[in-house]
Amino acid sequence: MTDTLPASPDAAVLDAALQMVEVWNRLSAEKQAMLLKRFGTQENALAALVTTQLLAPTKS
């Protein structure tokens, strides 16, 4: 995530989602398959990644 806070909660969700799509695209095929098996769809897997990112403690 960036060091600056987004202007709104919507912007925070969008920023996290875009970053998680980038993360998904860098994952190996094996890791993508593992996430798909666990969450059922790519959308659900990305939602889990976004939620994890949004709930992660911020680094100071």
N, C-alpha and C. Protein backbone atom coordinates (compact mmCIF):
# COMPACT_ATOMS: atom_id res chain seq x y z
N MET A 1 0.85 -1.18 0.00
CA MET A 1 0.00 0.00 0.00
C MET A 1 0.89 1.24 0.00
N THR A 2 0.27 2.34 -0.32
CA THR A 2 1.02 3.59 -0.35
C THR A 2 1.17 4.14 1.05
N ASP A 3 2.07 5.10 1.22
CA ASP A 3 2.30 5.71 2.52
C ASP A 3 1.26 6.75 2.86
N THR A 4 0.48 7.21 1.88
CA THR A 4 -0.54 8.21 2.13
C THR A 4 -1.91 7.54 2.20
N LEU A 5 -2.78 8.10 3.00
CA LEU A 5 -4.12 7.55 3.12
C LEU A 5 -4.98 8.01 1.94
N PRO A 6 -5.79 7.11 1.39
CA PRO A 6 -6.70 7.51 0.31
C PRO A 6 -7.71 8.52 0.82
N ALA A 7 -8.29 9.29 -0.10
CA ALA A 7 -9.23 10.35 0.26
C ALA A 7 -10.53 9.81 0.84
N SER A 8 -10.92 8.60 0.48
CA SER A 8 -12.19 8.06 0.96
C SER A 8 -12.08 6.55 1.13
N PRO A 9 -13.02 5.95 1.87
CA PRO A 9 -13.03 4.49 1.99
C PRO A 9 -13.16 3.80 0.63
N ASP A 10 -13.96 4.40 -0.28
CA ASP A 10 -14.09 3.82 -1.62
C ASP A 10 -12.74 3.77 -2.33
N ALA A 11 -11.98 4.84 -2.19
CA ALA A 11 -10.67 4.89 -2.82
C ALA A 11 -9.74 3.85 -2.21
N ALA A 12 -9.86 3.61 -0.90
CA ALA A 12 -9.03 2.61 -0.23
C ALA A 12 -9.34 1.21 -0.76
N VAL A 13 -10.62 0.92 -0.93
CA VAL A 13 -11.02 -0.39 -1.45
C VAL A 13 -10.54 -0.56 -2.89
N LEU A 14 -10.73 0.46 -3.70
CA LEU A 14 -10.29 0.39 -5.10
C LEU A 14 -8.78 0.23 -5.18
N ASP A 15 -8.04 0.98 -4.39
CA ASP A 15 -6.59 0.89 -4.37
C ASP A 15 -6.15 -0.52 -3.97
N ALA A 16 -6.76 -1.06 -2.92
CA ALA A 16 -6.41 -2.41 -2.47
C ALA A 16 -6.76 -3.45 -3.53
N ALA A 17 -7.91 -3.29 -4.16
CA ALA A 17 -8.33 -4.24 -5.20
C ALA A 17 -7.37 -4.24 -6.38
N LEU A 18 -6.97 -3.07 -6.82
CA LEU A 18 -6.02 -2.98 -7.94
C LEU A 18 -4.68 -3.61 -7.57
N GLN A 19 -4.24 -3.39 -6.35
CA GLN A 19 -2.98 -3.99 -5.91
C GLN A 19 -3.10 -5.50 -5.84
N MET A 20 -4.24 -6.02 -5.40
CA MET A 20 -4.41 -7.47 -5.28
C MET A 20 -4.53 -8.13 -6.65
N VAL A 21 -5.08 -7.42 -7.64
CA VAL A 21 -5.10 -7.95 -9.01
C VAL A 21 -3.67 -8.08 -9.51
N GLU A 22 -2.84 -7.08 -9.20
CA GLU A 22 -1.43 -7.17 -9.57
C GLU A 22 -0.76 -8.34 -8.87
N VAL A 23 -1.06 -8.53 -7.58
CA VAL A 23 -0.50 -9.66 -6.83
C VAL A 23 -0.95 -10.96 -7.47
N TRP A 24 -2.25 -11.09 -7.79
CA TRP A 24 -2.78 -12.30 -8.41
C TRP A 24 -2.02 -12.62 -9.69
N ASN A 25 -1.79 -11.61 -10.51
CA ASN A 25 -1.11 -11.82 -11.78
C ASN A 25 0.34 -12.27 -11.61
N ARG A 26 0.95 -11.96 -10.47
CA ARG A 26 2.33 -12.39 -10.22
C ARG A 26 2.41 -13.76 -9.55
N LEU A 27 1.29 -14.29 -9.05
CA LEU A 27 1.30 -15.59 -8.39
C LEU A 27 1.60 -16.69 -9.40
N SER A 28 2.25 -17.72 -8.91
CA SER A 28 2.49 -18.89 -9.77
C SER A 28 1.15 -19.58 -10.04
N ALA A 29 1.14 -20.39 -11.08
CA ALA A 29 -0.08 -21.14 -11.42
C ALA A 29 -0.49 -22.04 -10.27
N GLU A 30 0.47 -22.59 -9.54
CA GLU A 30 0.16 -23.46 -8.41
C GLU A 30 -0.53 -22.70 -7.28
N LYS A 31 -0.05 -21.50 -6.99
CA LYS A 31 -0.67 -20.70 -5.92
C LYS A 31 -2.05 -20.22 -6.34
N GLN A 32 -2.21 -19.85 -7.61
CA GLN A 32 -3.54 -19.47 -8.08
C GLN A 32 -4.50 -20.65 -7.95
N ALA A 33 -4.04 -21.84 -8.34
CA ALA A 33 -4.88 -23.04 -8.25
C ALA A 33 -5.26 -23.32 -6.80
N MET A 34 -4.33 -23.13 -5.87
CA MET A 34 -4.61 -23.35 -4.45
C MET A 34 -5.69 -22.38 -3.97
N LEU A 35 -5.56 -21.11 -4.35
CA LEU A 35 -6.56 -20.12 -3.94
C LEU A 35 -7.91 -20.41 -4.58
N LEU A 36 -7.92 -20.82 -5.84
CA LEU A 36 -9.18 -21.15 -6.51
C LEU A 36 -9.85 -22.34 -5.83
N LYS A 37 -9.05 -23.34 -5.44
CA LYS A 37 -9.61 -24.50 -4.75
C LYS A 37 -10.22 -24.09 -3.42
N ARG A 38 -9.54 -23.20 -2.71
CA ARG A 38 -10.02 -22.78 -1.39
C ARG A 38 -11.25 -21.87 -1.48
N PHE A 39 -11.25 -20.93 -2.43
CA PHE A 39 -12.30 -19.91 -2.48
C PHE A 39 -13.32 -20.11 -3.60
N GLY A 40 -13.08 -21.05 -4.50
CA GLY A 40 -14.07 -21.38 -5.51
C GLY A 40 -13.98 -20.62 -6.81
N THR A 41 -13.77 -19.31 -6.74
CA THR A 41 -13.67 -18.49 -7.95
C THR A 41 -12.55 -17.48 -7.78
N GLN A 42 -12.10 -16.94 -8.91
CA GLN A 42 -11.08 -15.91 -8.85
C GLN A 42 -11.61 -14.67 -8.12
N GLU A 43 -12.86 -14.34 -8.34
CA GLU A 43 -13.45 -13.18 -7.68
C GLU A 43 -13.43 -13.35 -6.16
N ASN A 44 -13.79 -14.54 -5.68
CA ASN A 44 -13.77 -14.79 -4.24
C ASN A 44 -12.34 -14.76 -3.69
N ALA A 45 -11.41 -15.31 -4.44
CA ALA A 45 -10.01 -15.30 -4.01
C ALA A 45 -9.49 -13.87 -3.94
N LEU A 46 -9.80 -13.07 -4.95
CA LEU A 46 -9.37 -11.66 -4.93
C LEU A 46 -10.04 -10.90 -3.78
N ALA A 47 -11.30 -11.19 -3.53
CA ALA A 47 -11.99 -10.53 -2.41
C ALA A 47 -11.30 -10.88 -1.09
N ALA A 48 -10.88 -12.12 -0.95
CA ALA A 48 -10.16 -12.53 0.26
C ALA A 48 -8.82 -11.80 0.36
N LEU A 49 -8.12 -11.68 -0.76
CA LEU A 49 -6.84 -10.96 -0.75
C LEU A 49 -7.05 -9.48 -0.40
N VAL A 50 -8.08 -8.87 -0.97
CA VAL A 50 -8.36 -7.46 -0.69
C VAL A 50 -8.71 -7.27 0.78
N THR A 51 -9.57 -8.13 1.30
CA THR A 51 -9.97 -8.04 2.71
C THR A 51 -8.75 -8.18 3.62
N THR A 52 -7.90 -9.14 3.30
CA THR A 52 -6.68 -9.34 4.08
C THR A 52 -5.82 -8.08 4.06
N GLN A 53 -5.70 -7.48 2.89
CA GLN A 53 -4.89 -6.26 2.75
C GLN A 53 -5.50 -5.12 3.54
N LEU A 54 -6.82 -4.96 3.47
CA LEU A 54 -7.47 -3.85 4.17
C LEU A 54 -7.42 -4.01 5.68
N LEU A 55 -7.42 -5.26 6.16
CA LEU A 55 -7.41 -5.50 7.60
C LEU A 55 -6.01 -5.63 8.19
N ALA A 56 -5.00 -5.66 7.33
CA ALA A 56 -3.62 -5.79 7.79
C ALA A 56 -3.21 -4.53 8.55
N PRO A 57 -2.46 -4.73 9.63
CA PRO A 57 -1.98 -3.54 10.36
C PRO A 57 -1.10 -2.69 9.45
N THR A 58 -1.22 -1.39 9.58
CA THR A 58 -0.41 -0.49 8.77
C THR A 58 0.99 -0.41 9.36
N LYS A 59 1.95 -0.24 8.49
CA LYS A 59 3.34 -0.11 8.95
C LYS A 59 3.63 1.36 9.21
N SER A 60 4.25 1.62 10.33
CA SER A 60 4.57 3.01 10.68
C SER A 60 5.96 3.36 10.25
